[in-house]
Amino acid sequence: MTKILLLSDTHSHIDDVILKYARQADEIWHAGDIGTLTVTDALRKIKPIRGVYGNIDDKTIQMEFPLNNRFRCEGVNVLMTHIGGYPPTYNSRTKALIQENSPKLFICGHSHILKVMWDKRLGVLHMNPGACGKHGFHQVRTMLRFVIDGKDIKDLEIIELGKRGG
């Protein structure tokens, strides 16, 4: 059983509340727009981190994290990228990645809109944790946490961190 904290769009912001939830996880996954390695360095001191770079991330972050991250967590095949779209209208790059080797869990960020959707046609669970940073148009800062237990994805929770400006 692996407890996952999923976040995105920190845009260089890290705070004690995010770190509190990070301490409760077994792994931290960041779906891009990190902003500065200070964010991932702080998280990495707490737990192992997997991530991707986003469209605001510079060459330093791009050298540390890939554009696409495909991995297995227990029995779950995961595909993570920053800009991916939503079922069934993924962007063309993401659609090709999903069709060549369909993951069980597809994760992206970018929109700053928390969304969890089941793609029945492809049998893929899509997650976007919204944005936990303070930069952007979102009103409430959000993250997701869930458990991967063998081949099961379960115990999904939305974490609201308060208003973007607060």
N, C-alpha and C. Protein backbone atom coordinates (compact mmCIF):
# COMPACT_ATOMS: atom_id res chain seq x y z
N MET A 1 0.85 -1.18 0.00
CA MET A 1 0.00 0.00 0.00
C MET A 1 0.89 1.25 0.00
N THR A 2 0.63 2.16 -0.96
CA THR A 2 1.43 3.37 -1.11
C THR A 2 0.51 4.58 -1.05
N LYS A 3 0.77 5.48 -0.10
CA LYS A 3 -0.02 6.72 0.03
C LYS A 3 0.63 7.79 -0.83
N ILE A 4 -0.16 8.37 -1.75
CA ILE A 4 0.35 9.35 -2.71
C ILE A 4 -0.23 10.73 -2.40
N LEU A 5 0.63 11.75 -2.43
CA LEU A 5 0.19 13.14 -2.45
C LEU A 5 0.46 13.65 -3.85
N LEU A 6 -0.59 14.11 -4.54
CA LEU A 6 -0.48 14.60 -5.91
C LEU A 6 -0.74 16.10 -5.93
N LEU A 7 0.24 16.84 -6.45
CA LEU A 7 0.10 18.28 -6.53
C LEU A 7 0.59 18.78 -7.87
N SER A 8 0.26 20.02 -8.18
CA SER A 8 0.66 20.63 -9.43
C SER A 8 0.63 22.13 -9.30
N ASP A 9 1.27 22.78 -10.25
CA ASP A 9 1.18 24.24 -10.40
C ASP A 9 1.49 24.98 -9.10
N THR A 10 2.64 24.64 -8.52
CA THR A 10 3.09 25.36 -7.32
C THR A 10 3.60 26.75 -7.69
N HIS A 11 4.10 26.92 -8.92
CA HIS A 11 4.60 28.22 -9.38
C HIS A 11 5.53 28.85 -8.33
N SER A 12 6.48 28.08 -7.84
CA SER A 12 7.50 28.48 -6.86
C SER A 12 7.01 28.60 -5.42
N HIS A 13 5.77 28.24 -5.16
CA HIS A 13 5.23 28.37 -3.81
C HIS A 13 5.29 27.04 -3.06
N ILE A 14 5.82 27.08 -1.85
CA ILE A 14 5.79 25.94 -0.93
C ILE A 14 5.54 26.52 0.45
N ASP A 15 4.72 25.86 1.24
CA ASP A 15 4.44 26.36 2.59
C ASP A 15 4.29 25.20 3.57
N ASP A 16 4.13 25.54 4.84
CA ASP A 16 4.06 24.52 5.89
C ASP A 16 2.86 23.60 5.75
N VAL A 17 1.76 24.09 5.19
CA VAL A 17 0.57 23.25 5.04
C VAL A 17 0.83 22.17 3.98
N ILE A 18 1.43 22.55 2.85
CA ILE A 18 1.78 21.56 1.84
C ILE A 18 2.75 20.54 2.43
N LEU A 19 3.74 21.01 3.17
CA LEU A 19 4.73 20.12 3.77
C LEU A 19 4.11 19.19 4.81
N LYS A 20 3.11 19.67 5.52
CA LYS A 20 2.40 18.82 6.49
C LYS A 20 1.78 17.61 5.79
N TYR A 21 1.10 17.86 4.68
CA TYR A 21 0.49 16.76 3.92
C TYR A 21 1.56 15.87 3.28
N ALA A 22 2.66 16.46 2.86
CA ALA A 22 3.76 15.68 2.28
C ALA A 22 4.30 14.66 3.29
N ARG A 23 4.38 15.05 4.54
CA ARG A 23 4.88 14.14 5.58
C ARG A 23 3.97 12.94 5.79
N GLN A 24 2.70 13.08 5.45
CA GLN A 24 1.72 11.99 5.64
C GLN A 24 1.73 11.00 4.47
N ALA A 25 2.42 11.32 3.40
CA ALA A 25 2.45 10.47 2.20
C ALA A 25 3.66 9.55 2.20
N ASP A 26 3.60 8.53 1.35
CA ASP A 26 4.77 7.69 1.10
C ASP A 26 5.56 8.22 -0.09
N GLU A 27 4.83 8.77 -1.08
CA GLU A 27 5.45 9.37 -2.25
C GLU A 27 4.72 10.66 -2.58
N ILE A 28 5.45 11.60 -3.19
CA ILE A 28 4.88 12.87 -3.65
C ILE A 28 5.04 12.92 -5.16
N TRP A 29 3.94 13.21 -5.86
CA TRP A 29 3.98 13.34 -7.30
C TRP A 29 3.62 14.77 -7.67
N HIS A 30 4.46 15.41 -8.50
CA HIS A 30 4.24 16.81 -8.91
C HIS A 30 4.02 16.84 -10.42
N ALA A 31 2.84 17.34 -10.85
CA ALA A 31 2.45 17.33 -12.26
C ALA A 31 2.83 18.61 -13.00
N GLY A 32 3.92 19.25 -12.61
CA GLY A 32 4.49 20.34 -13.40
C GLY A 32 4.12 21.74 -13.00
N ASP A 33 4.79 22.70 -13.65
CA ASP A 33 4.80 24.11 -13.27
C ASP A 33 5.30 24.23 -11.83
N ILE A 34 6.47 23.68 -11.63
CA ILE A 34 7.15 23.67 -10.33
C ILE A 34 7.58 25.09 -9.97
N GLY A 35 8.19 25.79 -10.91
CA GLY A 35 8.60 27.18 -10.70
C GLY A 35 10.06 27.32 -10.32
N THR A 36 10.46 26.64 -9.27
CA THR A 36 11.85 26.65 -8.82
C THR A 36 12.14 25.33 -8.11
N LEU A 37 13.39 24.89 -8.21
CA LEU A 37 13.76 23.63 -7.55
C LEU A 37 13.71 23.72 -6.04
N THR A 38 13.57 24.91 -5.49
CA THR A 38 13.38 25.05 -4.04
C THR A 38 12.16 24.26 -3.59
N VAL A 39 11.13 24.25 -4.42
CA VAL A 39 9.88 23.52 -4.11
C VAL A 39 10.16 22.02 -4.02
N THR A 40 10.74 21.45 -5.08
CA THR A 40 10.95 20.01 -5.09
C THR A 40 12.07 19.60 -4.13
N ASP A 41 13.04 20.46 -3.90
CA ASP A 41 14.09 20.16 -2.91
C ASP A 41 13.47 20.04 -1.51
N ALA A 42 12.55 20.93 -1.17
CA ALA A 42 11.89 20.88 0.15
C ALA A 42 11.06 19.60 0.27
N LEU A 43 10.37 19.23 -0.80
CA LEU A 43 9.55 18.01 -0.77
C LEU A 43 10.43 16.77 -0.71
N ARG A 44 11.53 16.77 -1.46
CA ARG A 44 12.43 15.62 -1.52
C ARG A 44 13.07 15.34 -0.16
N LYS A 45 13.23 16.36 0.66
CA LYS A 45 13.79 16.16 2.01
C LYS A 45 12.83 15.35 2.88
N ILE A 46 11.56 15.34 2.52
CA ILE A 46 10.53 14.67 3.31
C ILE A 46 10.26 13.26 2.79
N LYS A 47 9.98 13.14 1.48
CA LYS A 47 9.61 11.85 0.88
C LYS A 47 10.13 11.80 -0.55
N PRO A 48 10.17 10.60 -1.15
CA PRO A 48 10.55 10.49 -2.56
C PRO A 48 9.56 11.26 -3.44
N ILE A 49 10.08 11.86 -4.51
CA ILE A 49 9.23 12.65 -5.39
C ILE A 49 9.40 12.19 -6.84
N ARG A 50 8.29 12.16 -7.54
CA ARG A 50 8.27 11.92 -8.98
C ARG A 50 7.60 13.14 -9.59
N GLY A 51 8.02 13.54 -10.78
CA GLY A 51 7.40 14.71 -11.36
C GLY A 51 7.68 14.86 -12.83
N VAL A 52 7.13 15.93 -13.37
CA VAL A 52 7.35 16.35 -14.75
C VAL A 52 7.53 17.86 -14.75
N TYR A 53 8.15 18.38 -15.80
CA TYR A 53 8.24 19.83 -15.90
C TYR A 53 7.02 20.37 -16.63
N GLY A 54 6.71 21.63 -16.36
CA GLY A 54 5.58 22.29 -17.00
C GLY A 54 6.03 23.41 -17.91
N ASN A 55 5.06 24.11 -18.48
CA ASN A 55 5.36 25.14 -19.48
C ASN A 55 6.05 26.37 -18.90
N ILE A 56 6.01 26.60 -17.58
CA ILE A 56 6.72 27.76 -17.01
C ILE A 56 8.11 27.38 -16.49
N ASP A 57 8.43 26.08 -16.51
CA ASP A 57 9.66 25.61 -15.89
C ASP A 57 10.86 25.79 -16.82
N ASP A 58 11.95 26.33 -16.25
CA ASP A 58 13.14 26.64 -17.02
C ASP A 58 14.02 25.40 -17.25
N LYS A 59 15.14 25.62 -17.92
CA LYS A 59 16.05 24.52 -18.28
C LYS A 59 16.58 23.77 -17.06
N THR A 60 16.76 24.46 -15.95
CA THR A 60 17.24 23.80 -14.73
C THR A 60 16.25 22.73 -14.28
N ILE A 61 14.98 23.06 -14.27
CA ILE A 61 13.95 22.10 -13.89
C ILE A 61 13.80 21.03 -14.96
N GLN A 62 13.91 21.42 -16.22
CA GLN A 62 13.79 20.45 -17.32
C GLN A 62 14.92 19.42 -17.29
N MET A 63 16.06 19.79 -16.73
CA MET A 63 17.16 18.83 -16.59
C MET A 63 16.91 17.85 -15.43
N GLU A 64 16.10 18.26 -14.48
CA GLU A 64 15.79 17.45 -13.30
C GLU A 64 14.58 16.54 -13.50
N PHE A 65 13.59 17.02 -14.27
CA PHE A 65 12.34 16.29 -14.46
C PHE A 65 12.03 16.18 -15.95
N PRO A 66 11.42 15.05 -16.38
CA PRO A 66 11.09 14.87 -17.80
C PRO A 66 9.78 15.56 -18.19
N LEU A 67 9.53 15.63 -19.51
CA LEU A 67 8.26 16.12 -20.02
C LEU A 67 7.14 15.13 -19.73
N ASN A 68 7.44 13.85 -19.93
CA ASN A 68 6.50 12.75 -19.64
C ASN A 68 7.18 11.81 -18.66
N ASN A 69 6.42 11.32 -17.72
CA ASN A 69 6.96 10.37 -16.75
C ASN A 69 6.03 9.16 -16.73
N ARG A 70 6.54 8.05 -17.20
CA ARG A 70 5.77 6.81 -17.20
C ARG A 70 6.46 5.87 -16.21
N PHE A 71 5.68 5.35 -15.27
CA PHE A 71 6.25 4.48 -14.25
C PHE A 71 5.15 3.58 -13.69
N ARG A 72 5.59 2.62 -12.89
CA ARG A 72 4.65 1.74 -12.19
C ARG A 72 4.73 2.05 -10.71
N CYS A 73 3.59 2.11 -10.09
CA CYS A 73 3.51 2.18 -8.63
C CYS A 73 2.71 0.96 -8.22
N GLU A 74 3.37 0.07 -7.55
CA GLU A 74 2.79 -1.23 -7.26
C GLU A 74 2.30 -1.84 -8.57
N GLY A 75 1.00 -2.18 -8.68
CA GLY A 75 0.48 -2.79 -9.91
C GLY A 75 -0.18 -1.82 -10.86
N VAL A 76 0.08 -0.52 -10.69
CA VAL A 76 -0.60 0.50 -11.51
C VAL A 76 0.39 1.16 -12.46
N ASN A 77 0.07 1.11 -13.74
CA ASN A 77 0.85 1.78 -14.78
C ASN A 77 0.39 3.24 -14.81
N VAL A 78 1.33 4.17 -14.62
CA VAL A 78 1.02 5.60 -14.51
C VAL A 78 1.70 6.37 -15.65
N LEU A 79 0.97 7.33 -16.21
CA LEU A 79 1.53 8.28 -17.16
C LEU A 79 1.24 9.67 -16.63
N MET A 80 2.31 10.48 -16.48
CA MET A 80 2.16 11.85 -15.99
C MET A 80 2.80 12.80 -16.99
N THR A 81 2.10 13.90 -17.29
CA THR A 81 2.62 14.98 -18.10
C THR A 81 1.95 16.26 -17.62
N HIS A 82 2.46 17.41 -17.99
CA HIS A 82 1.86 18.65 -17.50
C HIS A 82 0.62 19.05 -18.29
N ILE A 83 0.74 19.13 -19.61
CA ILE A 83 -0.37 19.54 -20.46
C ILE A 83 -0.88 18.30 -21.20
N GLY A 84 -2.09 17.87 -20.85
CA GLY A 84 -2.57 16.62 -21.43
C GLY A 84 -3.97 16.65 -21.99
N GLY A 85 -4.79 17.57 -21.53
CA GLY A 85 -6.19 17.55 -21.93
C GLY A 85 -6.99 16.61 -21.04
N TYR A 86 -8.23 16.41 -21.41
CA TYR A 86 -9.15 15.59 -20.62
C TYR A 86 -9.80 14.54 -21.51
N PRO A 87 -10.26 13.45 -20.89
CA PRO A 87 -10.99 12.46 -21.68
C PRO A 87 -12.28 13.09 -22.24
N PRO A 88 -12.67 12.80 -23.43
CA PRO A 88 -11.95 12.02 -24.44
C PRO A 88 -11.12 12.90 -25.37
N THR A 89 -10.97 14.18 -25.05
CA THR A 89 -10.29 15.12 -25.95
C THR A 89 -8.89 15.47 -25.45
N TYR A 90 -8.05 14.44 -25.33
CA TYR A 90 -6.65 14.67 -24.98
C TYR A 90 -5.99 15.45 -26.11
N ASN A 91 -4.91 16.15 -25.80
CA ASN A 91 -4.17 16.78 -26.90
C ASN A 91 -3.49 15.68 -27.72
N SER A 92 -3.07 16.01 -28.92
CA SER A 92 -2.58 14.97 -29.85
C SER A 92 -1.35 14.24 -29.31
N ARG A 93 -0.44 14.95 -28.64
CA ARG A 93 0.76 14.31 -28.08
C ARG A 93 0.38 13.30 -27.02
N THR A 94 -0.53 13.69 -26.13
CA THR A 94 -0.96 12.81 -25.06
C THR A 94 -1.77 11.63 -25.59
N LYS A 95 -2.63 11.90 -26.55
CA LYS A 95 -3.45 10.83 -27.13
C LYS A 95 -2.56 9.73 -27.69
N ALA A 96 -1.49 10.12 -28.38
CA ALA A 96 -0.56 9.14 -28.94
C ALA A 96 0.12 8.34 -27.83
N LEU A 97 0.54 8.99 -26.76
CA LEU A 97 1.18 8.30 -25.64
C LEU A 97 0.24 7.29 -24.98
N ILE A 98 -1.02 7.69 -24.81
CA ILE A 98 -2.00 6.81 -24.17
C ILE A 98 -2.32 5.63 -25.08
N GLN A 99 -2.46 5.89 -26.38
CA GLN A 99 -2.82 4.81 -27.31
C GLN A 99 -1.68 3.80 -27.51
N GLU A 100 -0.43 4.25 -27.44
CA GLU A 100 0.68 3.32 -27.66
C GLU A 100 0.85 2.37 -26.47
N ASN A 101 0.51 2.81 -25.27
CA ASN A 101 0.62 1.95 -24.08
C ASN A 101 -0.30 2.55 -23.03
N SER A 102 -1.54 2.11 -23.04
CA SER A 102 -2.57 2.71 -22.20
C SER A 102 -2.26 2.53 -20.70
N PRO A 103 -2.12 3.63 -19.97
CA PRO A 103 -1.90 3.53 -18.53
C PRO A 103 -3.22 3.25 -17.81
N LYS A 104 -3.14 2.85 -16.58
CA LYS A 104 -4.35 2.75 -15.76
C LYS A 104 -4.68 4.12 -15.17
N LEU A 105 -3.63 4.93 -14.92
CA LEU A 105 -3.79 6.25 -14.32
C LEU A 105 -3.04 7.28 -15.16
N PHE A 106 -3.77 8.30 -15.62
CA PHE A 106 -3.19 9.39 -16.38
C PHE A 106 -3.32 10.67 -15.56
N ILE A 107 -2.19 11.35 -15.36
CA ILE A 107 -2.14 12.55 -14.51
C ILE A 107 -1.61 13.72 -15.32
N CYS A 108 -2.27 14.87 -15.18
CA CYS A 108 -1.73 16.10 -15.74
C CYS A 108 -2.09 17.27 -14.81
N GLY A 109 -1.54 18.41 -15.10
CA GLY A 109 -1.82 19.64 -14.37
C GLY A 109 -2.24 20.71 -15.36
N HIS A 110 -1.68 21.87 -15.27
CA HIS A 110 -1.78 22.98 -16.21
C HIS A 110 -3.06 23.81 -16.12
N SER A 111 -4.21 23.20 -16.04
CA SER A 111 -5.47 23.95 -16.12
C SER A 111 -5.80 24.70 -14.83
N HIS A 112 -5.19 24.33 -13.71
CA HIS A 112 -5.50 24.86 -12.38
C HIS A 112 -6.91 24.47 -11.96
N ILE A 113 -7.50 23.49 -12.63
CA ILE A 113 -8.86 23.02 -12.31
C ILE A 113 -8.77 21.58 -11.85
N LEU A 114 -9.16 21.33 -10.60
CA LEU A 114 -9.16 19.97 -10.08
C LEU A 114 -10.24 19.18 -10.81
N LYS A 115 -9.83 18.02 -11.34
CA LYS A 115 -10.76 17.19 -12.07
C LYS A 115 -10.31 15.74 -11.98
N VAL A 116 -11.24 14.85 -11.67
CA VAL A 116 -10.99 13.41 -11.70
C VAL A 116 -12.08 12.81 -12.56
N MET A 117 -11.67 12.10 -13.61
CA MET A 117 -12.63 11.57 -14.58
C MET A 117 -12.23 10.16 -14.99
N TRP A 118 -13.21 9.35 -15.27
CA TRP A 118 -12.98 8.01 -15.77
C TRP A 118 -13.17 8.04 -17.28
N ASP A 119 -12.17 7.61 -18.04
CA ASP A 119 -12.29 7.46 -19.48
C ASP A 119 -12.72 6.02 -19.74
N LYS A 120 -14.03 5.83 -19.89
CA LYS A 120 -14.58 4.48 -20.05
C LYS A 120 -14.08 3.82 -21.33
N ARG A 121 -13.93 4.62 -22.37
CA ARG A 121 -13.53 4.08 -23.67
C ARG A 121 -12.14 3.43 -23.60
N LEU A 122 -11.21 4.08 -22.91
CA LEU A 122 -9.84 3.58 -22.83
C LEU A 122 -9.52 2.86 -21.52
N GLY A 123 -10.44 2.93 -20.56
CA GLY A 123 -10.18 2.29 -19.27
C GLY A 123 -9.10 2.97 -18.47
N VAL A 124 -9.06 4.32 -18.56
CA VAL A 124 -8.02 5.11 -17.90
C VAL A 124 -8.66 6.05 -16.88
N LEU A 125 -8.11 6.11 -15.69
CA LEU A 125 -8.53 7.09 -14.70
C LEU A 125 -7.67 8.34 -14.89
N HIS A 126 -8.31 9.49 -15.05
CA HIS A 126 -7.61 10.75 -15.25
C HIS A 126 -7.69 11.58 -13.96
N MET A 127 -6.56 12.13 -13.54
CA MET A 127 -6.53 13.02 -12.37
C MET A 127 -5.77 14.29 -12.69
N ASN A 128 -6.35 15.42 -12.31
CA ASN A 128 -5.68 16.71 -12.31
C ASN A 128 -5.91 17.29 -10.92
N PRO A 129 -4.84 17.54 -10.15
CA PRO A 129 -5.02 17.99 -8.77
C PRO A 129 -5.35 19.47 -8.61
N GLY A 130 -5.52 20.18 -9.72
CA GLY A 130 -5.72 21.63 -9.61
C GLY A 130 -4.38 22.30 -9.35
N ALA A 131 -4.39 23.40 -8.63
CA ALA A 131 -3.16 24.15 -8.36
C ALA A 131 -3.03 24.41 -6.86
N CYS A 132 -1.84 24.17 -6.31
CA CYS A 132 -1.64 24.46 -4.89
C CYS A 132 -0.77 25.69 -4.68
N GLY A 133 -0.36 26.32 -5.77
CA GLY A 133 0.38 27.57 -5.67
C GLY A 133 -0.54 28.77 -5.54
N LYS A 134 0.05 29.94 -5.47
CA LYS A 134 -0.74 31.16 -5.29
C LYS A 134 -0.82 32.00 -6.56
N HIS A 135 -0.21 31.52 -7.65
CA HIS A 135 -0.22 32.25 -8.92
C HIS A 135 -1.19 31.58 -9.88
N GLY A 136 -2.09 32.34 -10.46
CA GLY A 136 -3.03 31.79 -11.44
C GLY A 136 -4.43 32.31 -11.19
N PHE A 137 -5.37 31.77 -11.95
CA PHE A 137 -6.75 32.25 -11.87
C PHE A 137 -7.62 31.43 -10.93
N HIS A 138 -7.13 30.30 -10.43
CA HIS A 138 -7.92 29.47 -9.52
C HIS A 138 -8.25 30.25 -8.25
N GLN A 139 -9.36 29.93 -7.64
CA GLN A 139 -9.77 30.62 -6.42
C GLN A 139 -9.33 29.87 -5.15
N VAL A 140 -9.38 28.54 -5.21
CA VAL A 140 -9.02 27.71 -4.05
C VAL A 140 -7.84 26.83 -4.43
N ARG A 141 -6.83 26.79 -3.57
CA ARG A 141 -5.65 25.96 -3.77
C ARG A 141 -5.99 24.51 -3.40
N THR A 142 -5.65 23.58 -4.30
CA THR A 142 -6.05 22.18 -4.08
C THR A 142 -4.91 21.21 -4.38
N MET A 143 -5.02 20.03 -3.77
CA MET A 143 -4.16 18.88 -4.04
C MET A 143 -5.05 17.64 -3.93
N LEU A 144 -4.52 16.50 -4.32
CA LEU A 144 -5.21 15.23 -4.15
C LEU A 144 -4.33 14.27 -3.36
N ARG A 145 -4.98 13.40 -2.61
CA ARG A 145 -4.23 12.28 -2.04
C ARG A 145 -5.07 11.03 -2.22
N PHE A 146 -4.36 9.92 -2.38
CA PHE A 146 -5.02 8.64 -2.62
C PHE A 146 -4.05 7.52 -2.29
N VAL A 147 -4.56 6.32 -2.35
CA VAL A 147 -3.77 5.13 -2.02
C VAL A 147 -3.73 4.22 -3.24
N ILE A 148 -2.57 3.68 -3.51
CA ILE A 148 -2.45 2.60 -4.48
C ILE A 148 -2.13 1.35 -3.68
N ASP A 149 -3.01 0.37 -3.83
CA ASP A 149 -2.90 -0.89 -3.10
C ASP A 149 -2.94 -2.00 -4.13
N GLY A 150 -1.77 -2.50 -4.50
CA GLY A 150 -1.70 -3.50 -5.57
C GLY A 150 -2.11 -2.86 -6.88
N LYS A 151 -3.22 -3.35 -7.45
CA LYS A 151 -3.74 -2.80 -8.71
C LYS A 151 -4.88 -1.82 -8.47
N ASP A 152 -5.21 -1.56 -7.21
CA ASP A 152 -6.35 -0.70 -6.87
C ASP A 152 -5.91 0.72 -6.55
N ILE A 153 -6.67 1.68 -7.06
CA ILE A 153 -6.52 3.10 -6.72
C ILE A 153 -7.73 3.42 -5.85
N LYS A 154 -7.49 3.84 -4.61
CA LYS A 154 -8.63 4.00 -3.70
C LYS A 154 -8.38 5.13 -2.70
N ASP A 155 -9.41 5.40 -1.90
CA ASP A 155 -9.34 6.39 -0.81
C ASP A 155 -8.94 7.78 -1.31
N LEU A 156 -9.50 8.18 -2.45
CA LEU A 156 -9.21 9.48 -3.03
C LEU A 156 -9.79 10.60 -2.17
N GLU A 157 -8.96 11.59 -1.87
CA GLU A 157 -9.40 12.75 -1.08
C GLU A 157 -8.97 14.03 -1.76
N ILE A 158 -9.84 15.02 -1.73
CA ILE A 158 -9.50 16.37 -2.18
C ILE A 158 -9.00 17.13 -0.97
N ILE A 159 -7.87 17.80 -1.12
CA ILE A 159 -7.33 18.65 -0.06
C ILE A 159 -7.46 20.10 -0.52
N GLU A 160 -8.22 20.87 0.23
CA GLU A 160 -8.34 22.30 -0.05
C GLU A 160 -7.44 23.05 0.91
N LEU A 161 -6.60 23.91 0.35
CA LEU A 161 -5.60 24.64 1.14
C LEU A 161 -5.99 26.09 1.40
N GLY A 162 -7.21 26.44 1.07
CA GLY A 162 -7.65 27.82 1.30
C GLY A 162 -7.62 28.63 0.03
N LYS A 163 -7.99 29.89 0.17
CA LYS A 163 -8.06 30.81 -0.97
C LYS A 163 -6.66 31.04 -1.54
N ARG A 164 -6.60 31.28 -2.83
CA ARG A 164 -5.33 31.49 -3.52
C ARG A 164 -4.54 32.64 -2.90
N GLY A 165 -5.19 33.71 -2.55
CA GLY A 165 -4.47 34.84 -2.00
C GLY A 165 -4.15 34.73 -0.53
N GLY A 166 -4.74 33.74 0.15
CA GLY A 166 -4.61 33.64 1.60
C GLY A 166 -3.56 32.71 2.08
